[in-house]
Amino acid sequence: YLPLWQAKSHKGDFGHTVIVAGSRGKSGAAVLSAGAALR
């Protein structure tokens, strides 16, 4: 079920994901989630 990464791909092929997260004292949650999306 995983998408294929073609050799000719560019970043637009893999979407723009938005992470709405974090608050004072919990900024790490936002970065963990967003970093995982990149990875």
Full PDB file with SEQRES, HELIX, SHEET, SSBOND, CRYST1, ORIGX, SCALE, CONECT and MASTER records, all heavy atoms in Angstrom:
SEQRES   1 A   39  TYR LEU PRO LEU TRP GLN ALA LYS SER HIS LYS GLY ASP          
SEQRES   2 A   39  PHE GLY HIS THR VAL ILE VAL ALA GLY SER ARG GLY LYS          
SEQRES   3 A   39  SER GLY ALA ALA VAL LEU SER ALA GLY ALA ALA LEU ARG          
HELIX    1 AA1 LYS A   11  PHE A   14  5                                   4    
HELIX    2 AA2 SER A   27  LEU A   38  1                                  12    
CRYST1    1.000    1.000    1.000  90.00  90.00  90.00 P 1           1          
ORIGX1      1.000000  0.000000  0.000000        0.00000                         
ORIGX2      0.000000  1.000000  0.000000        0.00000                         
ORIGX3      0.000000  0.000000  1.000000        0.00000                         
SCALE1      1.000000  0.000000  0.000000        0.00000                         
SCALE2      0.000000  1.000000  0.000000        0.00000                         
SCALE3      0.000000  0.000000  1.000000        0.00000                         
ATOM      1  N   TYR A   1       0.811  -1.216   0.000  1.00  0.00           N  
ATOM      2  CA  TYR A   1       0.000   0.000   0.000  1.00  0.00           C  
ATOM      3  C   TYR A   1       0.845   1.268   0.000  1.00  0.00           C  
ATOM      4  O   TYR A   1       0.301   2.365  -0.112  1.00  0.00           O  
ATOM      5  CB  TYR A   1      -0.916   0.009   1.229  1.00  0.00           C  
ATOM      6  CG  TYR A   1      -1.956  -1.084   1.218  1.00  0.00           C  
ATOM      7  CD1 TYR A   1      -1.745  -2.265   1.923  1.00  0.00           C  
ATOM      8  CD2 TYR A   1      -3.138  -0.944   0.497  1.00  0.00           C  
ATOM      9  CE1 TYR A   1      -2.701  -3.278   1.919  1.00  0.00           C  
ATOM     10  CE2 TYR A   1      -4.091  -1.947   0.483  1.00  0.00           C  
ATOM     11  CZ  TYR A   1      -3.865  -3.115   1.197  1.00  0.00           C  
ATOM     12  OH  TYR A   1      -4.806  -4.111   1.179  1.00  0.00           O  
ATOM     13  N   LEU A   2       2.138   1.140   0.125  1.00  0.00           N  
ATOM     14  CA  LEU A   2       2.988   2.324   0.188  1.00  0.00           C  
ATOM     15  C   LEU A   2       3.188   2.905  -1.210  1.00  0.00           C  
ATOM     16  O   LEU A   2       3.299   2.175  -2.188  1.00  0.00           O  
ATOM     17  CB  LEU A   2       4.341   1.972   0.807  1.00  0.00           C  
ATOM     18  CG  LEU A   2       4.304   1.534   2.265  1.00  0.00           C  
ATOM     19  CD1 LEU A   2       5.702   1.133   2.725  1.00  0.00           C  
ATOM     20  CD2 LEU A   2       3.749   2.632   3.158  1.00  0.00           C  
ATOM     21  N   PRO A   3       3.225   4.230  -1.312  1.00  0.00           N  
ATOM     22  CA  PRO A   3       3.436   4.854  -2.625  1.00  0.00           C  
ATOM     23  C   PRO A   3       4.838   4.579  -3.144  1.00  0.00           C  
ATOM     24  O   PRO A   3       5.763   4.287  -2.375  1.00  0.00           O  
ATOM     25  CB  PRO A   3       3.234   6.346  -2.341  1.00  0.00           C  
ATOM     26  CG  PRO A   3       3.545   6.494  -0.885  1.00  0.00           C  
ATOM     27  CD  PRO A   3       3.092   5.219  -0.242  1.00  0.00           C  
ATOM     28  N   LEU A   4       5.001   4.669  -4.461  1.00  0.00           N  
ATOM     29  CA  LEU A   4       6.303   4.456  -5.081  1.00  0.00           C  
ATOM     30  C   LEU A   4       7.035   5.782  -5.260  1.00  0.00           C  
ATOM     31  O   LEU A   4       6.436   6.795  -5.587  1.00  0.00           O  
ATOM     32  CB  LEU A   4       6.130   3.771  -6.441  1.00  0.00           C  
ATOM     33  CG  LEU A   4       5.531   2.363  -6.422  1.00  0.00           C  
ATOM     34  CD1 LEU A   4       5.353   1.865  -7.847  1.00  0.00           C  
ATOM     35  CD2 LEU A   4       6.410   1.416  -5.619  1.00  0.00           C  
ATOM     36  N   TRP A   5       8.327   5.769  -5.040  1.00  0.00           N  
ATOM     37  CA  TRP A   5       9.173   6.940  -5.262  1.00  0.00           C  
ATOM     38  C   TRP A   5       9.898   6.754  -6.599  1.00  0.00           C  
ATOM     39  O   TRP A   5      10.817   5.947  -6.717  1.00  0.00           O  
ATOM     40  CB  TRP A   5      10.190   7.084  -4.131  1.00  0.00           C  
ATOM     41  CG  TRP A   5       9.664   7.855  -2.953  1.00  0.00           C  
ATOM     42  CD1 TRP A   5       9.962   9.146  -2.620  1.00  0.00           C  
ATOM     43  CD2 TRP A   5       8.760   7.388  -1.949  1.00  0.00           C  
ATOM     44  NE1 TRP A   5       9.282   9.506  -1.485  1.00  0.00           N  
ATOM     45  CE2 TRP A   5       8.532   8.451  -1.049  1.00  0.00           C  
ATOM     46  CE3 TRP A   5       8.089   6.183  -1.728  1.00  0.00           C  
ATOM     47  CZ2 TRP A   5       7.688   8.345   0.051  1.00  0.00           C  
ATOM     48  CZ3 TRP A   5       7.239   6.087  -0.640  1.00  0.00           C  
ATOM     49  CH2 TRP A   5       7.051   7.153   0.234  1.00  0.00           C  
ATOM     50  N   GLN A   6       9.434   7.463  -7.618  1.00  0.00           N  
ATOM     51  CA  GLN A   6      10.034   7.361  -8.935  1.00  0.00           C  
ATOM     52  C   GLN A   6      11.329   8.173  -9.000  1.00  0.00           C  
ATOM     53  O   GLN A   6      11.486   9.178  -8.303  1.00  0.00           O  
ATOM     54  CB  GLN A   6       9.057   7.877 -10.002  1.00  0.00           C  
ATOM     55  CG  GLN A   6       7.714   7.165 -10.021  1.00  0.00           C  
ATOM     56  CD  GLN A   6       7.801   5.730 -10.512  1.00  0.00           C  
ATOM     57  OE1 GLN A   6       8.805   5.335 -11.101  1.00  0.00           O  
ATOM     58  NE2 GLN A   6       6.748   4.961 -10.287  1.00  0.00           N  
ATOM     59  N   ALA A   7      12.243   7.752  -9.855  1.00  0.00           N  
ATOM     60  CA  ALA A   7      13.533   8.436  -9.977  1.00  0.00           C  
ATOM     61  C   ALA A   7      13.370   9.893 -10.411  1.00  0.00           C  
ATOM     62  O   ALA A   7      14.159  10.757 -10.037  1.00  0.00           O  
ATOM     63  CB  ALA A   7      14.438   7.696 -10.956  1.00  0.00           C  
ATOM     64  N   LYS A   8      12.351  10.181 -11.192  1.00  0.00           N  
ATOM     65  CA  LYS A   8      12.146  11.535 -11.713  1.00  0.00           C  
ATOM     66  C   LYS A   8      11.270  12.393 -10.794  1.00  0.00           C  
ATOM     67  O   LYS A   8      10.815  13.461 -11.181  1.00  0.00           O  
ATOM     68  CB  LYS A   8      11.505  11.468 -13.086  1.00  0.00           C  
ATOM     69  CG  LYS A   8      10.126  10.817 -13.093  1.00  0.00           C  
ATOM     70  CD  LYS A   8       9.538  10.783 -14.499  1.00  0.00           C  
ATOM     71  CE  LYS A   8       8.147  10.139 -14.486  1.00  0.00           C  
ATOM     72  NZ  LYS A   8       7.562  10.096 -15.842  1.00  0.00           N  
ATOM     73  N   SER A   9      11.042  11.937  -9.558  1.00  0.00           N  
ATOM     74  CA  SER A   9      10.139  12.634  -8.646  1.00  0.00           C  
ATOM     75  C   SER A   9      10.686  13.993  -8.224  1.00  0.00           C  
ATOM     76  O   SER A   9      11.899  14.230  -8.205  1.00  0.00           O  
ATOM     77  CB  SER A   9       9.898  11.787  -7.392  1.00  0.00           C  
ATOM     78  OG  SER A   9       9.292  10.561  -7.718  1.00  0.00           O  
ATOM     79  N   HIS A  10       9.766  14.885  -7.851  1.00  0.00           N  
ATOM     80  CA  HIS A  10      10.132  16.142  -7.190  1.00  0.00           C  
ATOM     81  C   HIS A  10       9.245  16.294  -5.957  1.00  0.00           C  
ATOM     82  O   HIS A  10       8.274  15.537  -5.774  1.00  0.00           O  
ATOM     83  CB  HIS A  10       9.974  17.335  -8.135  1.00  0.00           C  
ATOM     84  CG  HIS A  10       8.588  17.494  -8.694  1.00  0.00           C  
ATOM     85  ND1 HIS A  10       7.572  18.140  -8.009  1.00  0.00           N  
ATOM     86  CD2 HIS A  10       8.045  17.079  -9.865  1.00  0.00           C  
ATOM     87  CE1 HIS A  10       6.479  18.137  -8.736  1.00  0.00           C  
ATOM     88  NE2 HIS A  10       6.735  17.495  -9.868  1.00  0.00           N  
ATOM     89  N   LYS A  11       9.552  17.249  -5.102  1.00  0.00           N  
ATOM     90  CA  LYS A  11       8.870  17.331  -3.814  1.00  0.00           C  
ATOM     91  C   LYS A  11       7.366  17.558  -3.949  1.00  0.00           C  
ATOM     92  O   LYS A  11       6.593  17.159  -3.067  1.00  0.00           O  
ATOM     93  CB  LYS A  11       9.491  18.416  -2.940  1.00  0.00           C  
ATOM     94  CG  LYS A  11       9.453  19.821  -3.509  1.00  0.00           C  
ATOM     95  CD  LYS A  11      10.276  20.766  -2.648  1.00  0.00           C  
ATOM     96  CE  LYS A  11      10.346  22.163  -3.273  1.00  0.00           C  
ATOM     97  NZ  LYS A  11      11.254  23.053  -2.497  1.00  0.00           N  
ATOM     98  N   GLY A  12       6.942  18.168  -5.053  1.00  0.00           N  
ATOM     99  CA  GLY A  12       5.522  18.352  -5.257  1.00  0.00           C  
ATOM    100  C   GLY A  12       4.757  17.056  -5.408  1.00  0.00           C  
ATOM    101  O   GLY A  12       3.545  17.008  -5.175  1.00  0.00           O  
ATOM    102  N   ASP A  13       5.457  15.983  -5.788  1.00  0.00           N  
ATOM    103  CA  ASP A  13       4.812  14.683  -5.932  1.00  0.00           C  
ATOM    104  C   ASP A  13       4.441  14.069  -4.589  1.00  0.00           C  
ATOM    105  O   ASP A  13       3.677  13.103  -4.533  1.00  0.00           O  
ATOM    106  CB  ASP A  13       5.739  13.701  -6.667  1.00  0.00           C  
ATOM    107  CG  ASP A  13       5.972  14.100  -8.113  1.00  0.00           C  
ATOM    108  OD1 ASP A  13       5.057  14.680  -8.726  1.00  0.00           O  
ATOM    109  OD2 ASP A  13       7.085  13.840  -8.620  1.00  0.00           O  
ATOM    110  N   PHE A  14       5.003  14.611  -3.525  1.00  0.00           N  
ATOM    111  CA  PHE A  14       4.817  13.988  -2.213  1.00  0.00           C  
ATOM    112  C   PHE A  14       4.064  14.873  -1.234  1.00  0.00           C  
ATOM    113  O   PHE A  14       4.051  14.621  -0.036  1.00  0.00           O  
ATOM    114  CB  PHE A  14       6.180  13.564  -1.651  1.00  0.00           C  
ATOM    115  CG  PHE A  14       6.910  12.647  -2.592  1.00  0.00           C  
ATOM    116  CD1 PHE A  14       8.086  13.036  -3.185  1.00  0.00           C  
ATOM    117  CD2 PHE A  14       6.381  11.409  -2.922  1.00  0.00           C  
ATOM    118  CE1 PHE A  14       8.744  12.207  -4.077  1.00  0.00           C  
ATOM    119  CE2 PHE A  14       7.036  10.568  -3.814  1.00  0.00           C  
ATOM    120  CZ  PHE A  14       8.215  10.963  -4.393  1.00  0.00           C  
ATOM    121  N   GLY A  15       3.408  15.893  -1.764  1.00  0.00           N  
ATOM    122  CA  GLY A  15       2.442  16.619  -0.973  1.00  0.00           C  
ATOM    123  C   GLY A  15       3.016  17.613   0.017  1.00  0.00           C  
ATOM    124  O   GLY A  15       4.195  17.594   0.364  1.00  0.00           O  
ATOM    125  N   HIS A  16       2.134  18.505   0.439  1.00  0.00           N  
ATOM    126  CA  HIS A  16       2.461  19.489   1.469  1.00  0.00           C  
ATOM    127  C   HIS A  16       1.577  19.182   2.671  1.00  0.00           C  
ATOM    128  O   HIS A  16       0.359  19.329   2.620  1.00  0.00           O  
ATOM    129  CB  HIS A  16       2.202  20.903   0.956  1.00  0.00           C  
ATOM    130  CG  HIS A  16       2.747  21.977   1.837  1.00  0.00           C  
ATOM    131  ND1 HIS A  16       3.023  23.252   1.378  1.00  0.00           N  
ATOM    132  CD2 HIS A  16       3.074  21.981   3.161  1.00  0.00           C  
ATOM    133  CE1 HIS A  16       3.498  23.984   2.369  1.00  0.00           C  
ATOM    134  NE2 HIS A  16       3.526  23.230   3.470  1.00  0.00           N  
ATOM    135  N   THR A  17       2.209  18.733   3.741  1.00  0.00           N  
ATOM    136  CA  THR A  17       1.509  18.339   4.960  1.00  0.00           C  
ATOM    137  C   THR A  17       1.622  19.448   5.999  1.00  0.00           C  
ATOM    138  O   THR A  17       2.695  20.024   6.186  1.00  0.00           O  
ATOM    139  CB  THR A  17       2.099  17.035   5.521  1.00  0.00           C  
ATOM    140  OG1 THR A  17       1.852  15.974   4.588  1.00  0.00           O  
ATOM    141  CG2 THR A  17       1.481  16.672   6.852  1.00  0.00           C  
ATOM    142  N   VAL A  18       0.513  19.724   6.674  1.00  0.00           N  
ATOM    143  CA  VAL A  18       0.481  20.749   7.722  1.00  0.00           C  
ATOM    144  C   VAL A  18       0.275  20.068   9.067  1.00  0.00           C  
ATOM    145  O   VAL A  18      -0.585  19.196   9.217  1.00  0.00           O  
ATOM    146  CB  VAL A  18      -0.647  21.768   7.459  1.00  0.00           C  
ATOM    147  CG1 VAL A  18      -0.739  22.775   8.610  1.00  0.00           C  
ATOM    148  CG2 VAL A  18      -0.412  22.494   6.135  1.00  0.00           C  
ATOM    149  N   ILE A  19       1.077  20.470  10.043  1.00  0.00           N  
ATOM    150  CA  ILE A  19       0.968  19.948  11.403  1.00  0.00           C  
ATOM    151  C   ILE A  19       0.534  21.092  12.320  1.00  0.00           C  
ATOM    152  O   ILE A  19       1.256  22.085  12.461  1.00  0.00           O  
ATOM    153  CB  ILE A  19       2.309  19.380  11.904  1.00  0.00           C  
ATOM    154  CG1 ILE A  19       2.883  18.349  10.926  1.00  0.00           C  
ATOM    155  CG2 ILE A  19       2.151  18.796  13.308  1.00  0.00           C  
ATOM    156  CD1 ILE A  19       2.086  17.077  10.805  1.00  0.00           C  
ATOM    157  N   VAL A  20      -0.639  20.979  12.903  1.00  0.00           N  
ATOM    158  CA  VAL A  20      -1.159  21.986  13.841  1.00  0.00           C  
ATOM    159  C   VAL A  20      -0.939  21.427  15.235  1.00  0.00           C  
ATOM    160  O   VAL A  20      -1.637  20.498  15.665  1.00  0.00           O  
ATOM    161  CB  VAL A  20      -2.644  22.267  13.586  1.00  0.00           C  
ATOM    162  CG1 VAL A  20      -3.141  23.376  14.511  1.00  0.00           C  
ATOM    163  CG2 VAL A  20      -2.875  22.648  12.126  1.00  0.00           C  
ATOM    164  N   ALA A  21       0.040  21.987  15.930  1.00  0.00           N  
ATOM    165  CA  ALA A  21       0.465  21.354  17.178  1.00  0.00           C  
ATOM    166  C   ALA A  21       1.235  22.337  18.048  1.00  0.00           C  
ATOM    167  O   ALA A  21       1.673  23.393  17.594  1.00  0.00           O  
ATOM    168  CB  ALA A  21       1.335  20.128  16.878  1.00  0.00           C  
ATOM    169  N   GLY A  22       1.404  21.946  19.304  1.00  0.00           N  
ATOM    170  CA  GLY A  22       2.260  22.695  20.205  1.00  0.00           C  
ATOM    171  C   GLY A  22       1.538  23.748  21.024  1.00  0.00           C  
ATOM    172  O   GLY A  22       0.494  24.269  20.653  1.00  0.00           O  
ATOM    173  N   SER A  23       2.115  24.059  22.157  1.00  0.00           N  
ATOM    174  CA  SER A  23       1.684  25.129  23.041  1.00  0.00           C  
ATOM    175  C   SER A  23       2.855  25.415  23.980  1.00  0.00           C  
ATOM    176  O   SER A  23       3.886  24.723  23.927  1.00  0.00           O  
ATOM    177  CB  SER A  23       0.432  24.736  23.837  1.00  0.00           C  
ATOM    178  OG  SER A  23       0.677  23.595  24.637  1.00  0.00           O  
ATOM    179  N   ARG A  24       2.724  26.434  24.800  1.00  0.00           N  
ATOM    180  CA  ARG A  24       3.819  26.760  25.705  1.00  0.00           C  
ATOM    181  C   ARG A  24       4.149  25.552  26.585  1.00  0.00           C  
ATOM    182  O   ARG A  24       3.286  24.992  27.247  1.00  0.00           O  
ATOM    183  CB  ARG A  24       3.442  27.955  26.581  1.00  0.00           C  
ATOM    184  CG  ARG A  24       4.567  28.442  27.485  1.00  0.00           C  
ATOM    185  CD  ARG A  24       4.118  29.619  28.330  1.00  0.00           C  
ATOM    186  NE  ARG A  24       3.704  30.740  27.483  1.00  0.00           N  
ATOM    187  CZ  ARG A  24       2.683  31.546  27.782  1.00  0.00           C  
ATOM    188  NH1 ARG A  24       1.957  31.322  28.864  1.00  0.00           N  
ATOM    189  NH2 ARG A  24       2.396  32.558  26.979  1.00  0.00           N  
ATOM    190  N   GLY A  25       5.397  25.126  26.561  1.00  0.00           N  
ATOM    191  CA  GLY A  25       5.829  23.962  27.325  1.00  0.00           C  
ATOM    192  C   GLY A  25       5.700  22.651  26.584  1.00  0.00           C  
ATOM    193  O   GLY A  25       6.175  21.618  27.060  1.00  0.00           O  
ATOM    194  N   LYS A  26       5.071  22.654  25.415  1.00  0.00           N  
ATOM    195  CA  LYS A  26       4.872  21.427  24.648  1.00  0.00           C  
ATOM    196  C   LYS A  26       5.248  21.631  23.186  1.00  0.00           C  
ATOM    197  O   LYS A  26       4.626  21.065  22.279  1.00  0.00           O  
ATOM    198  CB  LYS A  26       3.426  20.949  24.770  1.00  0.00           C  
ATOM    199  CG  LYS A  26       3.043  20.566  26.198  1.00  0.00           C  
ATOM    200  CD  LYS A  26       1.606  20.109  26.277  1.00  0.00           C  
ATOM    201  CE  LYS A  26       1.227  19.730  27.703  1.00  0.00           C  
ATOM    202  NZ  LYS A  26      -0.194  19.330  27.812  1.00  0.00           N  
ATOM    203  N   SER A  27       6.276  22.426  22.947  1.00  0.00           N  
ATOM    204  CA  SER A  27       6.717  22.663  21.573  1.00  0.00           C  
ATOM    205  C   SER A  27       7.322  21.410  20.959  1.00  0.00           C  
ATOM    206  O   SER A  27       7.275  21.217  19.740  1.00  0.00           O  
ATOM    207  CB  SER A  27       7.742  23.807  21.541  1.00  0.00           C  
ATOM    208  OG  SER A  27       8.840  23.533  22.404  1.00  0.00           O  
ATOM    209  N   GLY A  28       7.889  20.539  21.783  1.00  0.00           N  
ATOM    210  CA  GLY A  28       8.510  19.321  21.267  1.00  0.00           C  
ATOM    211  C   GLY A  28       7.540  18.413  20.553  1.00  0.00           C  
ATOM    212  O   GLY A  28       7.905  17.727  19.597  1.00  0.00           O  
ATOM    213  N   ALA A  29       6.276  18.397  20.993  1.00  0.00           N  
ATOM    214  CA  ALA A  29       5.280  17.550  20.343  1.00  0.00           C  
ATOM    215  C   ALA A  29       5.099  17.943  18.882  1.00  0.00           C  
ATOM    216  O   ALA A  29       4.960  17.088  18.005  1.00  0.00           O  
ATOM    217  CB  ALA A  29       3.949  17.653  21.092  1.00  0.00           C  
ATOM    218  N   ALA A  30       5.111  19.246  18.630  1.00  0.00           N  
ATOM    219  CA  ALA A  30       4.960  19.725  17.251  1.00  0.00           C  
ATOM    220  C   ALA A  30       6.134  19.290  16.391  1.00  0.00           C  
ATOM    221  O   ALA A  30       5.958  18.853  15.245  1.00  0.00           O  
ATOM    222  CB  ALA A  30       4.833  21.249  17.250  1.00  0.00           C  
ATOM    223  N   VAL A  31       7.333  19.399  16.931  1.00  0.00           N  
ATOM    224  CA  VAL A  31       8.534  19.072  16.158  1.00  0.00           C  
ATOM    225  C   VAL A  31       8.648  17.565  15.936  1.00  0.00           C  
ATOM    226  O   VAL A  31       9.040  17.120  14.849  1.00  0.00           O  
ATOM    227  CB  VAL A  31       9.782  19.621  16.860  1.00  0.00           C  
ATOM    228  CG1 VAL A  31      11.041  19.231  16.104  1.00  0.00           C  
ATOM    229  CG2 VAL A  31       9.691  21.132  16.994  1.00  0.00           C  
ATOM    230  N   LEU A  32       8.301  16.772  16.932  1.00  0.00           N  
ATOM    231  CA  LEU A  32       8.332  15.322  16.753  1.00  0.00           C  
ATOM    232  C   LEU A  32       7.390  14.885  15.638  1.00  0.00           C  
ATOM    233  O   LEU A  32       7.743  14.073  14.774  1.00  0.00           O  
ATOM    234  CB  LEU A  32       7.946  14.621  18.060  1.00  0.00           C  
ATOM    235  CG  LEU A  32       9.021  14.554  19.140  1.00  0.00           C  
ATOM    236  CD1 LEU A  32       8.402  14.093  20.459  1.00  0.00           C  
ATOM    237  CD2 LEU A  32      10.139  13.602  18.731  1.00  0.00           C  
ATOM    238  N   SER A  33       6.185  15.439  15.647  1.00  0.00           N  
ATOM    239  CA  SER A  33       5.201  15.065  14.640  1.00  0.00           C  
ATOM    240  C   SER A  33       5.624  15.531  13.248  1.00  0.00           C  
ATOM    241  O   SER A  33       5.573  14.768  12.274  1.00  0.00           O  
ATOM    242  CB  SER A  33       3.841  15.666  15.011  1.00  0.00           C  
ATOM    243  OG  SER A  33       2.828  15.190  14.164  1.00  0.00           O  
ATOM    244  N   ALA A  34       6.067  16.781  13.144  1.00  0.00           N  
ATOM    245  CA  ALA A  34       6.468  17.320  11.840  1.00  0.00           C  
ATOM    246  C   ALA A  34       7.734  16.644  11.329  1.00  0.00           C  
ATOM    247  O   ALA A  34       7.865  16.376  10.129  1.00  0.00           O  
ATOM    248  CB  ALA A  34       6.677  18.826  11.952  1.00  0.00           C  
ATOM    249  N   GLY A  35       8.678  16.375  12.220  1.00  0.00           N  
ATOM    250  CA  GLY A  35       9.901  15.683  11.807  1.00  0.00           C  
ATOM    251  C   GLY A  35       9.607  14.293  11.282  1.00  0.00           C  
ATOM    252  O   GLY A  35      10.222  13.832  10.311  1.00  0.00           O  
ATOM    253  N   ALA A  36       8.639  13.615  11.904  1.00  0.00           N  
ATOM    254  CA  ALA A  36       8.246  12.290  11.433  1.00  0.00           C  
ATOM    255  C   ALA A  36       7.609  12.371  10.048  1.00  0.00           C  
ATOM    256  O   ALA A  36       7.818  11.497   9.205  1.00  0.00           O  
ATOM    257  CB  ALA A  36       7.269  11.658  12.418  1.00  0.00           C  
ATOM    258  N   ALA A  37       6.836  13.434   9.802  1.00  0.00           N  
ATOM    259  CA  ALA A  37       6.223  13.604   8.483  1.00  0.00           C  
ATOM    260  C   ALA A  37       7.290  13.750   7.408  1.00  0.00           C  
ATOM    261  O   ALA A  37       7.189  13.162   6.322  1.00  0.00           O  
ATOM    262  CB  ALA A  37       5.291  14.816   8.492  1.00  0.00           C  
ATOM    263  N   LEU A  38       8.330  14.513   7.691  1.00  0.00           N  
ATOM    264  CA  LEU A  38       9.438  14.639   6.741  1.00  0.00           C  
ATOM    265  C   LEU A  38      10.120  13.295   6.524  1.00  0.00           C  
ATOM    266  O   LEU A  38      10.402  12.892   5.392  1.00  0.00           O  
ATOM    267  CB  LEU A  38      10.461  15.653   7.254  1.00  0.00           C  
ATOM    268  CG  LEU A  38      10.192  17.129   7.000  1.00  0.00           C  
ATOM    269  CD1 LEU A  38      11.282  17.971   7.652  1.00  0.00           C  
ATOM    270  CD2 LEU A  38      10.124  17.441   5.511  1.00  0.00           C  
ATOM    271  N   ARG A  39      10.386  12.612   7.613  1.00  0.00           N  
ATOM    272  CA  ARG A  39      11.091  11.322   7.527  1.00  0.00           C  
ATOM    273  C   ARG A  39      10.263  10.287   6.770  1.00  0.00           C  
ATOM    274  O   ARG A  39      10.814   9.404   6.096  1.00  0.00           O  
ATOM    275  CB  ARG A  39      11.408  10.825   8.936  1.00  0.00           C  
ATOM    276  CG  ARG A  39      12.332   9.624   8.999  1.00  0.00           C  
ATOM    277  CD  ARG A  39      13.736   9.961   8.521  1.00  0.00           C  
ATOM    278  NE  ARG A  39      14.606   8.817   8.587  1.00  0.00           N  
ATOM    279  CZ  ARG A  39      15.384   8.509   9.638  1.00  0.00           C  
ATOM    280  NH1 ARG A  39      15.364   9.292  10.715  1.00  0.00           N  
ATOM    281  NH2 ARG A  39      16.151   7.456   9.631  1.00  0.00           N  
TER     282      ARG A  39                                                      
MASTER        0    0    0    2    0    0    0    6  281    1    0    3          
END                                                                             
